[in-house]
C-alpha atoms as a PDB file:
ATOM      1  CA  MET A   1     -24.047 -23.679  32.238  1.00  0.00           C
ATOM      2  CA  HIS A   2     -21.110 -22.482  33.679  1.00  0.00           C
ATOM      3  CA  ASN A   3     -18.786 -24.349  31.735  1.00  0.00           C
ATOM      4  CA  ARG A   4     -20.501 -22.980  28.331  1.00  0.00           C
ATOM      5  CA  THR A   5     -20.629 -20.125  29.114  1.00  0.00           C
ATOM      6  CA  LEU A   6     -16.448 -20.682  29.819  1.00  0.00           C
ATOM      7  CA  LEU A   7     -16.431 -22.037  26.063  1.00  0.00           C
ATOM      8  CA  LYS A   8     -18.010 -19.262  24.652  1.00  0.00           C
ATOM      9  CA  LEU A   9     -15.605 -16.603  26.284  1.00  0.00           C
ATOM     10  CA  LEU A  10     -12.668 -19.097  25.411  1.00  0.00           C
ATOM     11  CA  ALA A  11     -13.805 -18.659  21.422  1.00  0.00           C
ATOM     12  CA  VAL A  12     -14.514 -15.078  21.584  1.00  0.00           C
ATOM     13  CA  LEU A  13     -11.282 -14.028  23.225  1.00  0.00           C
ATOM     14  CA  LEU A  14      -9.371 -16.969  20.591  1.00  0.00           C
ATOM     15  CA  THR A  15     -11.138 -15.292  17.509  1.00  0.00           C
ATOM     16  CA  GLY A  16      -9.694 -11.567  18.597  1.00  0.00           C
ATOM     17  CA  LEU A  17      -6.390 -13.224  19.068  1.00  0.00           C
ATOM     18  CA  LEU A  18      -6.548 -14.565  15.560  1.00  0.00           C
ATOM     19  CA  THR A  19      -8.141 -11.256  14.272  1.00  0.00           C
ATOM     20  CA  TRP A  20      -4.927  -9.250  15.994  1.00  0.00           C
ATOM     21  CA  SER A  21      -2.386 -11.838  14.774  1.00  0.00           C
ATOM     22  CA  CYS A  22      -3.312 -11.118  10.796  1.00  0.00           C
ATOM     23  CA  SER A  23      -4.791  -7.787  11.026  1.00  0.00           C
ATOM     24  CA  GLY A  24      -5.788  -8.170   7.132  1.00  0.00           C
ATOM     25  CA  GLU A  25      -4.103  -4.766   6.777  1.00  0.00           C
ATOM     26  CA  PRO A  26      -3.923  -3.957   2.803  1.00  0.00           C
ATOM     27  CA  ARG A  27      -1.064  -2.091   2.830  1.00  0.00           C
ATOM     28  CA  ALA A  28       0.941  -4.479   4.412  1.00  0.00           C
ATOM     29  CA  ILE A  29       4.169  -6.738   3.561  1.00  0.00           C
ATOM     30  CA  HIS A  30       2.889 -10.799   4.653  1.00  0.00           C
ATOM     31  CA  GLN A  31       5.952 -12.346   5.455  1.00  0.00           C
ATOM     32  CA  THR A  32       6.575 -16.117   6.225  1.00  0.00           C
ATOM     33  CA  SER A  33       9.753 -17.211   8.527  1.00  0.00           C
ATOM     34  CA  THR A  34      13.201 -14.815   8.005  1.00  0.00           C
ATOM     35  CA  LEU A  35      15.890 -14.883   5.705  1.00  0.00           C
ATOM     36  CA  ASP A  36      18.399 -16.000   8.455  1.00  0.00           C
ATOM     37  CA  ALA A  37      16.391 -18.986   9.307  1.00  0.00           C
ATOM     38  CA  LEU A  38      16.443 -19.958   5.702  1.00  0.00           C
ATOM     39  CA  LYS A  39      20.054 -19.539   5.713  1.00  0.00           C
ATOM     40  CA  ALA A  40      20.488 -21.569   8.049  1.00  0.00           C
ATOM     41  CA  GLY A  41      18.179 -24.524   6.915  1.00  0.00           C
ATOM     42  CA  ALA A  42      14.604 -23.936   7.858  1.00  0.00           C
ATOM     43  CA  PHE A  43      13.192 -25.427   3.920  1.00  0.00           C
ATOM     44  CA  GLY A  44      10.194 -27.233   5.731  1.00  0.00           C
ATOM     45  CA  GLY A  45       7.307 -25.956   4.315  1.00  0.00           C
ATOM     46  CA  VAL A  46       4.797 -24.116   7.027  1.00  0.00           C
ATOM     47  CA  ILE A  47       1.997 -22.477   4.692  1.00  0.00           C
ATOM     48  CA  THR A  48       0.335 -23.527   1.365  1.00  0.00           C
ATOM     49  CA  VAL A  49       0.381 -21.677  -1.869  1.00  0.00           C
ATOM     50  CA  GLU A  50      -3.527 -21.071  -1.065  1.00  0.00           C
ATOM     51  CA  ALA A  51      -2.719 -19.383   1.979  1.00  0.00           C
ATOM     52  CA  LEU A  52      -0.050 -17.075   0.287  1.00  0.00           C
ATOM     53  CA  GLU A  53      -2.290 -16.375  -2.750  1.00  0.00           C
ATOM     54  CA  ARG A  54      -5.000 -15.269  -0.074  1.00  0.00           C
ATOM     55  CA  GLN A  55      -2.553 -12.813   1.367  1.00  0.00           C
ATOM     56  CA  GLY A  56      -1.263 -11.338  -1.824  1.00  0.00           C
ATOM     57  CA  THR A  57      -0.935 -10.563  -5.426  1.00  0.00           C
ATOM     58  CA  LEU A  58       2.805 -10.170  -5.960  1.00  0.00           C
ATOM     59  CA  GLY A  59       5.391 -11.738  -4.319  1.00  0.00           C
ATOM     60  CA  LEU A  60       8.449 -14.573  -3.980  1.00  0.00           C
ATOM     61  CA  GLY A  61       9.468 -16.754  -1.833  1.00  0.00           C
ATOM     62  CA  THR A  62      10.773 -20.758  -2.665  1.00  0.00           C
ATOM     63  CA  LEU A  63       8.971 -23.814  -2.305  1.00  0.00           C
ATOM     64  CA  ASP A  64       9.062 -27.026   0.593  1.00  0.00           C
ATOM     65  CA  GLY A  65      12.827 -28.679   0.839  1.00  0.00           C
ATOM     66  CA  LEU A  66      14.097 -25.049  -0.850  1.00  0.00           C
ATOM     67  CA  ASP A  67      12.479 -26.485  -4.609  1.00  0.00           C
ATOM     68  CA  GLY A  68      13.392 -23.768  -7.298  1.00  0.00           C
ATOM     69  CA  GLU A  69      11.667 -20.147  -6.944  1.00  0.00           C
ATOM     70  CA  LEU A  70       8.311 -19.148  -6.513  1.00  0.00           C
ATOM     71  CA  VAL A  71       7.179 -15.976  -8.240  1.00  0.00           C
ATOM     72  CA  GLN A  72       3.741 -14.318  -7.525  1.00  0.00           C
ATOM     73  CA  VAL A  73       2.002 -12.234 -10.038  1.00  0.00           C
ATOM     74  CA  ASP A  74      -1.417 -10.534 -10.498  1.00  0.00           C
ATOM     75  CA  GLY A  75      -2.593 -13.193  -7.135  1.00  0.00           C
ATOM     76  CA  VAL A  76      -1.332 -16.304  -8.840  1.00  0.00           C
ATOM     77  CA  ALA A  77       1.980 -18.431  -7.850  1.00  0.00           C
ATOM     78  CA  TYR A  78       4.440 -20.257 -10.078  1.00  0.00           C
ATOM     79  CA  HIS A  79       7.123 -22.387  -8.869  1.00  0.00           C
ATOM     80  CA  VAL A  80      10.154 -22.332 -11.627  1.00  0.00           C
ATOM     81  CA  GLY A  81      12.369 -25.539 -10.971  1.00  0.00           C
ATOM     82  CA  MET A  82      16.132 -26.445 -12.150  1.00  0.00           C
ATOM     83  CA  ASP A  83      14.946 -26.759 -15.925  1.00  0.00           C
ATOM     84  CA  GLY A  84      13.793 -22.937 -15.374  1.00  0.00           C
ATOM     85  CA  VAL A  85      10.375 -23.664 -16.778  1.00  0.00           C
ATOM     86  CA  ALA A  86       7.560 -21.705 -14.691  1.00  0.00           C
ATOM     87  CA  ARG A  87       4.716 -23.712 -13.954  1.00  0.00           C
ATOM     88  CA  ALA A  88       1.219 -22.827 -11.681  1.00  0.00           C
ATOM     89  CA  ALA A  89       2.030 -23.777  -7.891  1.00  0.00           C
ATOM     90  CA  ARG A  90      -0.551 -26.493  -6.708  1.00  0.00           C
ATOM     91  CA  PRO A  91      -2.505 -24.728  -4.448  1.00  0.00           C
ATOM     92  CA  GLY A  92      -1.596 -27.659  -1.763  1.00  0.00           C
ATOM     93  CA  ALA A  93       2.203 -27.002  -1.879  1.00  0.00           C
ATOM     94  CA  THR A  94       4.023 -26.132   1.146  1.00  0.00           C
ATOM     95  CA  ILE A  95       6.277 -23.092   1.266  1.00  0.00           C
ATOM     96  CA  PRO A  96       9.051 -22.511   3.775  1.00  0.00           C
ATOM     97  CA  PHE A  97       9.867 -18.639   3.061  1.00  0.00           C
ATOM     98  CA  ALA A  98       7.691 -16.095   0.790  1.00  0.00           C
ATOM     99  CA  THR A  99       6.820 -12.616   0.998  1.00  0.00           C
ATOM    100  CA  THR A 100       3.853 -11.065  -0.670  1.00  0.00           C
ATOM    101  CA  VAL A 101       1.682  -7.932  -0.665  1.00  0.00           C
ATOM    102  CA  ARG A 102      -1.595  -6.977  -2.423  1.00  0.00           C
ATOM    103  CA  PHE A 103       0.431  -4.737  -4.513  1.00  0.00           C
ATOM    104  CA  ALA A 104      -1.206  -1.465  -5.143  1.00  0.00           C
ATOM    105  CA  PRO A 105       1.694   0.989  -6.745  1.00  0.00           C
ATOM    106  CA  ASP A 106       1.693   4.568  -5.353  1.00  0.00           C
ATOM    107  CA  ALA A 107       4.813   5.520  -8.378  1.00  0.00           C
ATOM    108  CA  SER A 108       5.592   4.591 -11.629  1.00  0.00           C
ATOM    109  CA  ARG A 109       7.880   5.863 -14.430  1.00  0.00           C
ATOM    110  CA  ARG A 110       8.400   4.764 -17.868  1.00  0.00           C
ATOM    111  CA  LEU A 111      11.882   3.340 -18.341  1.00  0.00           C
ATOM    112  CA  GLN A 112      13.422   3.521 -22.147  1.00  0.00           C
ATOM    113  CA  GLY A 113      17.167   2.045 -22.253  1.00  0.00           C
ATOM    114  CA  GLN A 114      19.868   3.743 -24.411  1.00  0.00           C
ATOM    115  CA  GLY A 115      22.232   1.962 -26.355  1.00  0.00           C
ATOM    116  CA  LEU A 116      22.709  -1.119 -25.199  1.00  0.00           C
ATOM    117  CA  GLY A 117      19.716  -0.918 -22.171  1.00  0.00           C
ATOM    118  CA  LEU A 118      19.287   0.000 -18.750  1.00  0.00           C
ATOM    119  CA  ALA A 119      21.406  -2.827 -16.715  1.00  0.00           C
ATOM    120  CA  LEU A 120      19.460  -4.415 -13.604  1.00  0.00           C
ATOM    121  CA  GLU A 121      21.914  -1.774 -11.066  1.00  0.00           C
ATOM    122  CA  ASP A 122      20.441   1.208 -13.503  1.00  0.00           C
ATOM    123  CA  VAL A 123      17.018  -0.264 -12.842  1.00  0.00           C
ATOM    124  CA  CYS A 124      17.374  -0.527  -9.467  1.00  0.00           C
ATOM    125  CA  ARG A 125      18.591   2.494  -8.907  1.00  0.00           C
ATOM    126  CA  VAL A 126      15.171   4.315 -10.473  1.00  0.00           C
ATOM    127  CA  LEU A 127      13.130   2.031  -7.915  1.00  0.00           C
ATOM    128  CA  ASP A 128      14.845   3.470  -5.273  1.00  0.00           C
ATOM    129  CA  GLU A 129      13.951   7.103  -6.641  1.00  0.00           C
ATOM    130  CA  LEU A 130      10.672   6.194  -6.820  1.00  0.00           C
ATOM    131  CA  ALA A 131      10.899   4.970  -3.264  1.00  0.00           C
ATOM    132  CA  PRO A 132      13.377   7.594  -2.147  1.00  0.00           C
ATOM    133  CA  ASP A 133      13.302   6.409   2.032  1.00  0.00           C
ATOM    134  CA  PRO A 134      15.815   4.031   2.252  1.00  0.00           C
ATOM    135  CA  GLN A 135      13.856   3.278   6.038  1.00  0.00           C
ATOM    136  CA  ARG A 136      10.758   2.194   4.240  1.00  0.00           C
ATOM    137  CA  PHE A 137       9.762  -1.393   2.854  1.00  0.00           C
ATOM    138  CA  ALA A 138       8.819  -1.230  -0.683  1.00  0.00           C
ATOM    139  CA  ALA A 139       7.327  -3.520  -3.481  1.00  0.00           C
ATOM    140  CA  ALA A 140       7.834  -3.417  -7.018  1.00  0.00           C
ATOM    141  CA  ARG A 141       7.044  -4.355 -10.122  1.00  0.00           C
ATOM    142  CA  VAL A 142       8.630  -3.910 -13.674  1.00  0.00           C
ATOM    143  CA  ARG A 143       7.020  -5.103 -16.697  1.00  0.00           C
ATOM    144  CA  GLY A 144       8.900  -4.774 -20.022  1.00  0.00           C
ATOM    145  CA  ARG A 145      11.184  -5.539 -22.563  1.00  0.00           C
ATOM    146  CA  PHE A 146      14.550  -7.409 -21.594  1.00  0.00           C
ATOM    147  CA  SER A 147      17.150  -8.070 -23.655  1.00  0.00           C
ATOM    148  CA  THR A 148      18.444 -10.427 -21.341  1.00  0.00           C
ATOM    149  CA  VAL A 149      18.086 -11.969 -18.202  1.00  0.00           C
ATOM    150  CA  GLU A 150      20.495 -14.053 -16.093  1.00  0.00           C
ATOM    151  CA  ALA A 151      17.930 -15.795 -13.635  1.00  0.00           C
ATOM    152  CA  ARG A 152      18.777 -19.103 -11.719  1.00  0.00           C
ATOM    153  CA  SER A 153      16.951 -21.781  -9.517  1.00  0.00           C
ATOM    154  CA  VAL A 154      18.106 -24.344  -6.682  1.00  0.00           C
ATOM    155  CA  PRO A 155      17.484 -28.098  -6.051  1.00  0.00           C
ATOM    156  CA  ARG A 156      15.018 -29.505  -3.605  1.00  0.00           C
ATOM    157  CA  GLN A 157      16.805 -30.452  -0.839  1.00  0.00           C
ATOM    158  CA  LEU A 158      15.958 -33.027   1.711  1.00  0.00           C
ATOM    159  CA  PRO A 159      16.239 -33.641   5.404  1.00  0.00           C
ATOM    160  CA  PRO A 160      18.231 -33.250   7.345  1.00  0.00           C
ATOM    161  CA  TYR A 161      18.841 -29.727   5.686  1.00  0.00           C
ATOM    162  CA  PRO A 162      22.265 -28.557   4.601  1.00  0.00           C
ATOM    163  CA  THR A 163      22.600 -24.450   4.838  1.00  0.00           C
ATOM    164  CA  LEU A 164      21.483 -22.207   2.133  1.00  0.00           C
ATOM    165  CA  ALA A 165      25.239 -21.770   1.654  1.00  0.00           C
ATOM    166  CA  GLU A 166      26.083 -25.125   1.038  1.00  0.00           C
ATOM    167  CA  VAL A 167      23.356 -25.626  -1.888  1.00  0.00           C
ATOM    168  CA  LEU A 168      23.915 -22.312  -3.740  1.00  0.00           C
ATOM    169  CA  PRO A 169      27.120 -23.750  -5.765  1.00  0.00           C
ATOM    170  CA  ARG A 170      24.461 -26.114  -6.974  1.00  0.00           C
ATOM    171  CA  GLN A 171      22.063 -23.666  -8.683  1.00  0.00           C
ATOM    172  CA  ALA A 172      21.176 -23.866 -12.431  1.00  0.00           C
ATOM    173  CA  VAL A 173      21.551 -20.414 -14.044  1.00  0.00           C
ATOM    174  CA  PHE A 174      19.688 -19.699 -17.483  1.00  0.00           C
ATOM    175  CA  GLN A 175      20.174 -16.786 -19.669  1.00  0.00           C
ATOM    176  CA  LEU A 176      16.910 -15.476 -21.079  1.00  0.00           C
ATOM    177  CA  GLU A 177      16.955 -13.510 -24.405  1.00  0.00           C
ATOM    178  CA  GLN A 178      15.057 -10.801 -26.020  1.00  0.00           C
ATOM    179  CA  VAL A 179      11.866 -11.665 -23.390  1.00  0.00           C
ATOM    180  CA  VAL A 180       9.046 -10.053 -22.337  1.00  0.00           C
ATOM    181  CA  GLY A 181       7.948 -10.156 -18.903  1.00  0.00           C
ATOM    182  CA  ASP A 182       7.718  -9.017 -15.060  1.00  0.00           C
ATOM    183  CA  MET A 183      10.635  -8.358 -12.978  1.00  0.00           C
ATOM    184  CA  VAL A 184       8.853  -8.567  -9.327  1.00  0.00           C
ATOM    185  CA  GLY A 185      10.554  -8.351  -5.916  1.00  0.00           C
ATOM    186  CA  PHE A 186      10.960  -6.214  -2.571  1.00  0.00           C
ATOM    187  CA  ARG A 187      13.311  -4.200  -0.468  1.00  0.00           C
ATOM    188  CA  PHE A 188      13.899  -4.143   2.967  1.00  0.00           C
ATOM    189  CA  PRO A 189      15.190  -1.475   4.952  1.00  0.00           C
ATOM    190  CA  GLU A 190      18.868  -2.214   6.859  1.00  0.00           C
ATOM    191  CA  HIS A 191      17.181  -2.489   9.929  1.00  0.00           C
ATOM    192  CA  ALA A 192      15.009  -5.462   8.966  1.00  0.00           C
ATOM    193  CA  GLN A 193      17.631  -7.756   6.982  1.00  0.00           C
ATOM    194  CA  SER A 194      17.334 -10.314   9.446  1.00  0.00           C
ATOM    195  CA  TYR A 195      13.767 -10.977   7.871  1.00  0.00           C
ATOM    196  CA  GLY A 196      14.347 -10.176   4.019  1.00  0.00           C
ATOM    197  CA  VAL A 197      17.350  -8.868   2.010  1.00  0.00           C
ATOM    198  CA  ALA A 198      18.398  -5.167   2.635  1.00  0.00           C
ATOM    199  CA  GLY A 199      18.360  -4.253  -0.924  1.00  0.00           C
ATOM    200  CA  TRP A 200      16.061  -5.285  -3.318  1.00  0.00           C
ATOM    201  CA  HIS A 201      15.440  -8.928  -4.481  1.00  0.00           C
ATOM    202  CA  LEU A 202      13.807  -9.684  -7.370  1.00  0.00           C
ATOM    203  CA  HIS A 203      12.111 -12.262  -9.236  1.00  0.00           C
ATOM    204  CA  PHE A 204      11.122 -12.683 -12.800  1.00  0.00           C
ATOM    205  CA  ILE A 205       8.894 -14.334 -14.994  1.00  0.00           C
ATOM    206  CA  SER A 206       7.649 -13.834 -18.516  1.00  0.00           C
ATOM    207  CA  THR A 207       4.381 -12.740 -19.807  1.00  0.00           C
ATOM    208  CA  ASP A 208       3.465 -16.132 -21.427  1.00  0.00           C
ATOM    209  CA  ARG A 209       4.371 -17.613 -17.613  1.00  0.00           C
ATOM    210  CA  THR A 210       6.324 -20.206 -18.717  1.00  0.00           C
ATOM    211  CA  ARG A 211      10.157 -19.019 -18.256  1.00  0.00           C
ATOM    212  CA  GLY A 212      11.584 -17.236 -14.996  1.00  0.00           C
ATOM    213  CA  GLY A 213      13.419 -17.532 -11.333  1.00  0.00           C
ATOM    214  CA  HIS A 214      15.933 -15.337  -9.076  1.00  0.00           C
ATOM    215  CA  VAL A 215      17.537 -12.326 -10.803  1.00  0.00           C
ATOM    216  CA  LEU A 216      21.301 -12.679 -11.259  1.00  0.00           C
ATOM    217  CA  ALA A 217      21.590  -9.862 -14.064  1.00  0.00           C
ATOM    218  CA  ALA A 218      19.025  -8.002 -16.412  1.00  0.00           C
ATOM    219  CA  THR A 219      19.764  -5.575 -19.157  1.00  0.00           C
ATOM    220  CA  LEU A 220      16.000  -3.672 -20.038  1.00  0.00           C
ATOM    221  CA  HIS A 221      15.298  -2.470 -23.002  1.00  0.00           C
ATOM    222  CA  ASP A 222      11.785  -0.374 -22.124  1.00  0.00           C
ATOM    223  CA  GLY A 223       9.196  -0.603 -19.624  1.00  0.00           C
ATOM    224  CA  ILE A 224       7.463   0.426 -16.752  1.00  0.00           C
ATOM    225  CA  ALA A 225       8.345   0.344 -13.070  1.00  0.00           C
ATOM    226  CA  ARG A 226       5.697   0.694 -10.792  1.00  0.00           C
ATOM    227  CA  VAL A 227       6.682   0.768  -7.049  1.00  0.00           C
ATOM    228  CA  MET A 228       4.468   0.584  -3.693  1.00  0.00           C
ATOM    229  CA  THR A 229       6.095   2.162  -0.501  1.00  0.00           C
ATOM    230  CA  VAL A 230       4.313  -0.099   2.840  1.00  0.00           C
ATOM    231  CA  ASP A 231       5.052   1.077   6.274  1.00  0.00           C
ATOM    232  CA  ARG A 232       4.039  -2.332   8.168  1.00  0.00           C
ATOM    233  CA  LEU A 233       5.740  -6.003   8.155  1.00  0.00           C
ATOM    234  CA  GLU A 234       3.270  -9.112   8.972  1.00  0.00           C
ATOM    235  CA  LEU A 235       5.265 -11.548  10.028  1.00  0.00           C
ATOM    236  CA  TYR A 236       4.694 -15.449  10.696  1.00  0.00           C
ATOM    237  CA  VAL A 237       7.444 -17.274  12.581  1.00  0.00           C
ATOM    238  CA  PRO A 238       7.203 -21.196  12.844  1.00  0.00           C
ATOM    239  CA  PRO A 239       7.912 -22.892  16.006  1.00  0.00           C
ATOM    240  CA  ASP A 240      11.205 -24.021  15.995  1.00  0.00           C
ATOM    241  CA  LEU A 241      13.096 -22.276  13.830  1.00  0.00           C
ATOM    242  CA  PRO A 242      16.686 -22.640  13.581  1.00  0.00           C
ATOM    243  CA  LYS A 243      19.483 -20.264  14.866  1.00  0.00           C
ATOM    244  CA  ALA A 244      20.861 -18.242  11.653  1.00  0.00           C
ATOM    245  CA  ALA A 245      24.301 -19.589  10.389  1.00  0.00           C
ATOM    246  CA  GLY A 246      26.696 -16.984   9.090  1.00  0.00           C
ATOM    247  CA  GLY A 247      25.506 -13.507  10.199  1.00  0.00           C
ATOM    248  CA  SER A 248      22.908 -11.510   8.721  1.00  0.00           C
ATOM    249  CA  ALA A 249      21.978 -10.949   5.049  1.00  0.00           C
ATOM    250  CA  GLY A 250      24.013 -10.012   2.344  1.00  0.00           C
ATOM    251  CA  GLY A 251      23.434  -9.453  -1.758  1.00  0.00           C
ATOM    252  CA  ALA A 252      21.128  -9.644  -3.975  1.00  0.00           C
ATOM    253  CA  GLY A 253      22.283 -13.128  -4.814  1.00  0.00           C
ATOM    254  CA  GLY A 254      22.424 -15.447  -2.192  1.00  0.00           C
ATOM    255  CA  HIS A 255      18.927 -16.448  -1.737  1.00  0.00           C
ATOM    256  CA  PRO A 256      15.769 -17.780  -3.232  1.00  0.00           C
END
């Protein structure tokens, strides 16, 4: 009888710990692993696509083995391979690195490009104006007509994994022209750059969900930018992550 009571108490304590570790806070960014770990070659999947889709509605990342780019829009995760084609990710596929949020924008602005349109730098400047405090996290979705999108994907790796810097020279780059779609992503503050990119990290997927990738450059003709400012980061750090290689995170071109 004593043992049964002890087991019940232990179950209650474990339930409490699990509740504490995953609060379900709706205005929280959920981060799986860290950018520093990814740079060091932590490419093995640690959560499933199904789990990611329960955590948030808008996100990005990569799949097991650094297999291409992951884009999450309206709760659905898509995989963009080396051919630049987007496909719905399998629910059981695993993810080594991802960022997601239950997207509920608190600021928006209609964008209209003049002449040649708005370059990616101009779009990011508007996103910063909509979330003006650089010490806070932010999530963004820009839906519109793009004159051009330069996107990329990376090839799947097998263990023993190389570093991210060793993989990037083998990336595939795609030029999308006159495409309608969604550019989604996150801004991490400088003090959190070991976890995610300090600055805007953006992925793209076309409205018909057939093309996409990590955004390297873009020209927006017109669209609507929506931004959500976030103060809470819920971080899942898998066990036995490798130490970071090559220092802290850099600019927007060097990560999935």
